[in-house]
């Protein structure tokens, strides 16, 4: 946000859900972009920096932002559950972060597929 208005003057966001990971974040960030003269719009939805301020659309944007934030929370929970399931089933969940030892997985049965 520090570079807004100096390094760039336009933000095109694929979807409001990519901008609304928190209910307050889109309102605060759009206010700051507006103050700095930066244009913001979504590519797949009807939102732009002016439309979110229009009567009626402001409420629709607030509801959309809330729904998007809830979606991200639910998606995060599903990803965590999926990773726990994979771990419990003995599958690898990606690269081991630096400083951590890889868990000792049980030996797969002979003739088991690699996945």
N, C-alpha and C. Protein backbone atom coordinates (compact mmCIF):
# COMPACT_ATOMS: atom_id res chain seq x y z
N UNK A 1 0.82 -1.19 0.00
CA UNK A 1 0.00 0.00 0.00
C UNK A 1 0.87 1.26 0.00
N UNK A 2 2.11 1.14 0.51
CA UNK A 2 2.99 2.32 0.50
C UNK A 2 3.30 2.77 -0.91
N UNK A 3 3.39 1.81 -1.85
CA UNK A 3 3.74 2.14 -3.22
C UNK A 3 2.55 2.64 -4.04
N UNK A 4 1.35 2.53 -3.49
CA UNK A 4 0.14 2.96 -4.22
C UNK A 4 0.21 4.44 -4.55
N UNK A 5 -0.10 4.75 -5.80
CA UNK A 5 -0.11 6.14 -6.23
C UNK A 5 1.24 6.64 -6.70
N UNK A 6 2.31 5.92 -6.39
CA UNK A 6 3.64 6.31 -6.87
C UNK A 6 4.18 5.28 -7.84
N UNK A 7 4.25 4.02 -7.41
CA UNK A 7 4.76 2.95 -8.27
C UNK A 7 3.67 2.44 -9.21
N UNK A 8 2.45 2.44 -8.77
CA UNK A 8 1.34 1.99 -9.62
C UNK A 8 0.12 2.85 -9.37
N UNK A 9 -0.76 2.90 -10.38
CA UNK A 9 -1.97 3.72 -10.28
C UNK A 9 -3.24 2.94 -10.51
N UNK A 10 -3.11 1.63 -10.77
CA UNK A 10 -4.28 0.80 -11.05
C UNK A 10 -4.07 -0.56 -10.38
N UNK A 11 -5.15 -1.09 -9.81
CA UNK A 11 -5.15 -2.46 -9.29
C UNK A 11 -6.32 -3.18 -9.94
N UNK A 12 -6.02 -4.29 -10.62
CA UNK A 12 -7.07 -5.14 -11.17
C UNK A 12 -7.00 -6.44 -10.39
N UNK A 13 -8.08 -6.72 -9.70
CA UNK A 13 -8.18 -7.89 -8.84
C UNK A 13 -9.03 -8.93 -9.55
N UNK A 14 -8.58 -10.16 -9.61
CA UNK A 14 -9.34 -11.21 -10.30
C UNK A 14 -10.76 -11.29 -9.76
N UNK A 15 -10.90 -11.37 -8.46
CA UNK A 15 -12.20 -11.52 -7.82
C UNK A 15 -12.15 -10.84 -6.46
N UNK A 16 -13.27 -10.35 -6.01
CA UNK A 16 -13.32 -9.71 -4.70
C UNK A 16 -12.90 -10.68 -3.59
N UNK A 17 -13.11 -11.97 -3.80
CA UNK A 17 -12.73 -12.95 -2.78
C UNK A 17 -11.21 -12.96 -2.58
N UNK A 18 -10.45 -12.54 -3.58
CA UNK A 18 -9.00 -12.46 -3.44
C UNK A 18 -8.61 -11.22 -2.64
N UNK A 19 -9.50 -10.24 -2.56
CA UNK A 19 -9.23 -8.98 -1.85
C UNK A 19 -9.85 -9.00 -0.46
N UNK A 20 -10.89 -9.80 -0.26
CA UNK A 20 -11.68 -9.77 0.98
C UNK A 20 -11.39 -10.95 1.89
N UNK A 21 -10.17 -11.12 2.27
CA UNK A 21 -9.84 -12.22 3.18
C UNK A 21 -10.23 -11.89 4.61
N UNK A 22 -10.55 -10.65 4.84
CA UNK A 22 -10.96 -10.16 6.14
C UNK A 22 -12.03 -9.11 5.85
N UNK A 23 -13.08 -9.04 6.62
CA UNK A 23 -14.21 -8.15 6.32
C UNK A 23 -13.80 -6.68 6.30
N UNK A 24 -12.90 -6.28 7.16
CA UNK A 24 -12.51 -4.87 7.25
C UNK A 24 -11.48 -4.50 6.20
N UNK A 25 -10.65 -5.44 5.78
CA UNK A 25 -9.55 -5.16 4.87
C UNK A 25 -9.97 -4.47 3.57
N UNK A 26 -11.02 -4.93 2.88
CA UNK A 26 -11.35 -4.26 1.62
C UNK A 26 -11.77 -2.81 1.82
N UNK A 27 -12.51 -2.53 2.87
CA UNK A 27 -12.96 -1.15 3.12
C UNK A 27 -11.78 -0.24 3.44
N UNK A 28 -10.90 -0.69 4.30
CA UNK A 28 -9.73 0.13 4.66
C UNK A 28 -8.81 0.33 3.47
N UNK A 29 -8.51 -0.77 2.76
CA UNK A 29 -7.57 -0.67 1.64
C UNK A 29 -8.15 0.17 0.51
N UNK A 30 -9.45 0.04 0.24
CA UNK A 30 -10.05 0.85 -0.83
C UNK A 30 -10.09 2.33 -0.44
N UNK A 31 -10.31 2.62 0.82
CA UNK A 31 -10.25 4.02 1.27
C UNK A 31 -8.86 4.60 1.04
N UNK A 32 -7.84 3.81 1.36
CA UNK A 32 -6.47 4.28 1.17
C UNK A 32 -6.15 4.45 -0.31
N UNK A 33 -6.56 3.49 -1.14
CA UNK A 33 -6.33 3.61 -2.59
C UNK A 33 -7.05 4.84 -3.14
N UNK A 34 -8.27 5.06 -2.69
CA UNK A 34 -9.04 6.22 -3.15
C UNK A 34 -8.32 7.52 -2.77
N UNK A 35 -7.82 7.60 -1.56
CA UNK A 35 -7.09 8.77 -1.08
C UNK A 35 -5.84 9.04 -1.92
N UNK A 36 -5.21 7.96 -2.40
CA UNK A 36 -3.98 8.09 -3.17
C UNK A 36 -4.24 8.20 -4.68
N UNK A 37 -5.51 8.18 -5.07
CA UNK A 37 -5.86 8.33 -6.48
C UNK A 37 -5.63 7.09 -7.32
N UNK A 38 -5.67 5.92 -6.70
CA UNK A 38 -5.43 4.66 -7.41
C UNK A 38 -6.77 4.03 -7.77
N UNK A 39 -6.92 3.61 -9.02
CA UNK A 39 -8.13 2.93 -9.48
C UNK A 39 -8.06 1.46 -9.11
N UNK A 40 -9.19 0.89 -8.67
CA UNK A 40 -9.28 -0.53 -8.29
C UNK A 40 -10.53 -1.10 -8.94
N UNK A 41 -10.44 -2.29 -9.47
CA UNK A 41 -11.61 -2.97 -10.06
C UNK A 41 -11.37 -4.47 -10.02
N UNK A 42 -12.47 -5.22 -10.06
CA UNK A 42 -12.38 -6.67 -10.16
C UNK A 42 -12.57 -7.07 -11.62
N UNK A 43 -11.93 -8.15 -12.01
CA UNK A 43 -12.00 -8.60 -13.40
C UNK A 43 -13.22 -9.48 -13.66
N UNK A 44 -13.69 -10.21 -12.66
CA UNK A 44 -14.78 -11.17 -12.88
C UNK A 44 -16.09 -10.76 -12.21
N UNK A 45 -16.09 -9.62 -11.55
CA UNK A 45 -17.29 -9.15 -10.85
C UNK A 45 -17.50 -7.67 -11.19
N UNK A 46 -18.65 -7.11 -10.85
CA UNK A 46 -18.94 -5.73 -11.27
C UNK A 46 -18.34 -4.65 -10.38
N UNK A 47 -17.41 -4.97 -9.49
CA UNK A 47 -16.94 -3.99 -8.52
C UNK A 47 -15.82 -3.13 -9.07
N UNK A 48 -15.89 -1.85 -8.76
CA UNK A 48 -14.77 -0.94 -8.96
C UNK A 48 -14.77 0.06 -7.81
N UNK A 49 -13.75 0.89 -7.74
CA UNK A 49 -13.55 1.75 -6.58
C UNK A 49 -14.68 2.76 -6.38
N UNK A 50 -15.38 3.10 -7.47
CA UNK A 50 -16.51 4.03 -7.35
C UNK A 50 -17.82 3.32 -7.04
N UNK A 51 -18.03 2.16 -7.67
CA UNK A 51 -19.29 1.45 -7.50
C UNK A 51 -19.53 1.04 -6.05
N UNK A 52 -18.47 0.70 -5.33
CA UNK A 52 -18.63 0.27 -3.94
C UNK A 52 -19.11 1.40 -3.04
N UNK A 53 -19.08 2.63 -3.54
CA UNK A 53 -19.53 3.79 -2.76
C UNK A 53 -20.96 4.23 -3.13
N UNK A 54 -21.51 3.68 -4.20
CA UNK A 54 -22.85 4.08 -4.64
C UNK A 54 -23.91 3.48 -3.73
N UNK A 55 -24.97 4.26 -3.54
CA UNK A 55 -26.06 3.82 -2.68
C UNK A 55 -26.63 2.50 -3.20
N UNK A 56 -26.83 1.58 -2.32
CA UNK A 56 -27.32 0.25 -2.68
C UNK A 56 -26.18 -0.71 -2.97
N UNK A 57 -25.26 -0.27 -3.81
CA UNK A 57 -24.11 -1.13 -4.12
C UNK A 57 -23.17 -1.23 -2.93
N UNK A 58 -23.15 -0.19 -2.07
CA UNK A 58 -22.30 -0.25 -0.88
C UNK A 58 -22.72 -1.39 0.04
N UNK A 59 -24.03 -1.60 0.17
CA UNK A 59 -24.52 -2.71 1.00
C UNK A 59 -24.23 -4.05 0.33
N UNK A 60 -24.42 -4.11 -0.97
CA UNK A 60 -24.13 -5.35 -1.70
C UNK A 60 -22.65 -5.71 -1.59
N UNK A 61 -21.80 -4.69 -1.68
CA UNK A 61 -20.36 -4.94 -1.55
C UNK A 61 -20.02 -5.44 -0.15
N UNK A 62 -20.62 -4.84 0.86
CA UNK A 62 -20.37 -5.26 2.25
C UNK A 62 -20.80 -6.72 2.44
N UNK A 63 -21.95 -7.10 1.89
CA UNK A 63 -22.41 -8.49 2.00
C UNK A 63 -21.49 -9.44 1.23
N UNK A 64 -21.06 -9.00 0.05
CA UNK A 64 -20.14 -9.82 -0.74
C UNK A 64 -18.82 -10.01 0.00
N UNK A 65 -18.31 -8.93 0.60
CA UNK A 65 -17.05 -9.02 1.35
C UNK A 65 -17.19 -9.98 2.53
N UNK A 66 -18.32 -9.92 3.22
CA UNK A 66 -18.56 -10.84 4.34
C UNK A 66 -18.64 -12.28 3.86
N UNK A 67 -19.37 -12.51 2.77
CA UNK A 67 -19.48 -13.87 2.22
C UNK A 67 -18.12 -14.38 1.76
N UNK A 68 -17.33 -13.52 1.13
CA UNK A 68 -15.99 -13.92 0.68
C UNK A 68 -15.08 -14.26 1.86
N UNK A 69 -15.14 -13.45 2.91
CA UNK A 69 -14.33 -13.73 4.11
C UNK A 69 -14.74 -15.06 4.73
N UNK A 70 -16.04 -15.31 4.81
CA UNK A 70 -16.52 -16.59 5.35
C UNK A 70 -16.06 -17.76 4.49
N UNK A 71 -16.07 -17.58 3.16
CA UNK A 71 -15.63 -18.63 2.25
C UNK A 71 -14.17 -18.98 2.51
N UNK A 72 -13.32 -17.96 2.67
CA UNK A 72 -11.90 -18.20 2.90
C UNK A 72 -11.68 -18.95 4.22
N UNK A 73 -12.44 -18.58 5.25
CA UNK A 73 -12.33 -19.27 6.54
C UNK A 73 -12.71 -20.74 6.38
N UNK A 74 -13.81 -21.01 5.70
CA UNK A 74 -14.25 -22.40 5.51
C UNK A 74 -13.26 -23.18 4.65
N UNK A 75 -12.74 -22.53 3.61
CA UNK A 75 -11.76 -23.19 2.75
C UNK A 75 -10.50 -23.54 3.54
N UNK A 76 -10.06 -22.63 4.38
CA UNK A 76 -8.88 -22.89 5.21
C UNK A 76 -9.11 -24.09 6.12
N UNK A 77 -10.29 -24.16 6.72
CA UNK A 77 -10.60 -25.30 7.58
C UNK A 77 -10.58 -26.60 6.79
N UNK A 78 -11.10 -26.57 5.54
CA UNK A 78 -11.13 -27.79 4.72
C UNK A 78 -9.72 -28.21 4.33
N UNK A 79 -8.86 -27.24 4.03
CA UNK A 79 -7.48 -27.56 3.68
C UNK A 79 -6.77 -28.19 4.87
N UNK A 80 -6.96 -27.61 6.05
CA UNK A 80 -6.34 -28.16 7.26
C UNK A 80 -6.84 -29.59 7.50
N UNK A 81 -8.15 -29.80 7.39
CA UNK A 81 -8.70 -31.15 7.56
C UNK A 81 -8.11 -32.11 6.54
N UNK A 82 -8.00 -31.67 5.29
CA UNK A 82 -7.44 -32.52 4.24
C UNK A 82 -5.99 -32.89 4.51
N UNK A 83 -5.21 -31.91 4.96
CA UNK A 83 -3.80 -32.19 5.28
C UNK A 83 -3.70 -33.16 6.47
N UNK A 84 -4.57 -33.00 7.46
CA UNK A 84 -4.56 -33.93 8.59
C UNK A 84 -4.94 -35.33 8.13
N UNK A 85 -5.92 -35.44 7.24
CA UNK A 85 -6.30 -36.75 6.70
C UNK A 85 -5.15 -37.39 5.95
N UNK A 86 -4.46 -36.60 5.11
CA UNK A 86 -3.33 -37.14 4.36
C UNK A 86 -2.23 -37.61 5.30
N UNK A 87 -1.96 -36.84 6.33
CA UNK A 87 -0.93 -37.22 7.30
C UNK A 87 -1.32 -38.50 8.02
N UNK A 88 -2.56 -38.56 8.45
CA UNK A 88 -3.04 -39.75 9.17
C UNK A 88 -2.97 -40.99 8.29
N UNK A 89 -3.21 -40.81 6.98
CA UNK A 89 -3.17 -41.94 6.06
C UNK A 89 -1.75 -42.27 5.59
N UNK A 90 -0.77 -41.50 6.07
CA UNK A 90 0.61 -41.80 5.74
C UNK A 90 1.12 -41.15 4.47
N UNK A 91 0.38 -40.21 3.91
CA UNK A 91 0.80 -39.54 2.68
C UNK A 91 1.62 -38.29 3.00
N UNK A 92 2.48 -37.94 2.06
CA UNK A 92 3.32 -36.75 2.21
C UNK A 92 2.49 -35.49 1.92
N UNK A 93 2.74 -34.42 2.66
CA UNK A 93 1.99 -33.17 2.48
C UNK A 93 2.82 -32.06 1.87
N UNK A 94 3.89 -32.35 1.22
CA UNK A 94 4.72 -31.32 0.61
C UNK A 94 6.09 -31.25 1.26
N UNK A 95 6.84 -30.22 0.87
CA UNK A 95 8.21 -30.08 1.35
C UNK A 95 8.22 -29.83 2.86
N UNK A 96 9.18 -30.43 3.52
CA UNK A 96 9.36 -30.22 4.94
C UNK A 96 10.06 -28.88 5.12
N UNK A 97 9.54 -28.04 6.00
CA UNK A 97 10.13 -26.73 6.21
C UNK A 97 11.52 -26.85 6.84
N UNK A 98 12.37 -25.87 6.57
CA UNK A 98 13.73 -25.86 7.10
C UNK A 98 13.71 -25.95 8.62
N UNK A 99 14.55 -26.79 9.15
CA UNK A 99 14.68 -26.90 10.59
C UNK A 99 13.81 -27.98 11.20
N UNK A 100 12.95 -28.60 10.42
CA UNK A 100 12.08 -29.64 10.95
C UNK A 100 12.47 -30.97 10.34
N UNK A 101 12.43 -31.99 11.14
CA UNK A 101 12.71 -33.32 10.64
C UNK A 101 11.44 -33.92 10.04
N UNK A 102 11.62 -34.62 8.95
CA UNK A 102 10.47 -35.28 8.32
C UNK A 102 9.92 -36.33 9.28
N UNK A 103 8.58 -36.48 9.35
CA UNK A 103 8.02 -37.50 10.23
C UNK A 103 8.37 -38.89 9.73
N UNK A 104 8.39 -39.85 10.65
CA UNK A 104 8.63 -41.23 10.27
C UNK A 104 7.30 -41.87 9.88
N UNK A 105 7.12 -42.03 8.58
CA UNK A 105 5.89 -42.65 8.10
C UNK A 105 6.02 -44.16 8.16
N UNK A 106 4.92 -44.86 8.38
CA UNK A 106 4.99 -46.32 8.35
C UNK A 106 5.32 -46.79 6.93
N UNK A 107 6.00 -47.91 6.84
CA UNK A 107 6.34 -48.47 5.54
C UNK A 107 5.05 -48.85 4.81
N UNK A 108 4.91 -48.41 3.53
CA UNK A 108 3.70 -48.80 2.79
C UNK A 108 3.75 -50.30 2.48
N UNK A 109 2.59 -50.88 2.29
CA UNK A 109 2.57 -52.32 1.96
C UNK A 109 3.30 -52.58 0.62
N UNK A 110 3.84 -53.78 0.49
CA UNK A 110 4.48 -54.15 -0.78
C UNK A 110 3.44 -54.04 -1.90
N UNK A 111 3.88 -53.61 -3.05
CA UNK A 111 3.02 -53.43 -4.23
C UNK A 111 2.04 -52.28 -4.09
N UNK A 112 2.23 -51.42 -3.11
CA UNK A 112 1.35 -50.25 -2.95
C UNK A 112 1.72 -49.21 -4.01
N UNK A 113 0.73 -48.49 -4.56
CA UNK A 113 1.06 -47.45 -5.55
C UNK A 113 1.83 -46.31 -4.87
N UNK A 114 2.56 -45.56 -5.66
CA UNK A 114 3.39 -44.48 -5.10
C UNK A 114 2.55 -43.35 -4.53
N UNK A 115 1.31 -43.23 -4.95
CA UNK A 115 0.45 -42.16 -4.44
C UNK A 115 -0.47 -42.65 -3.36
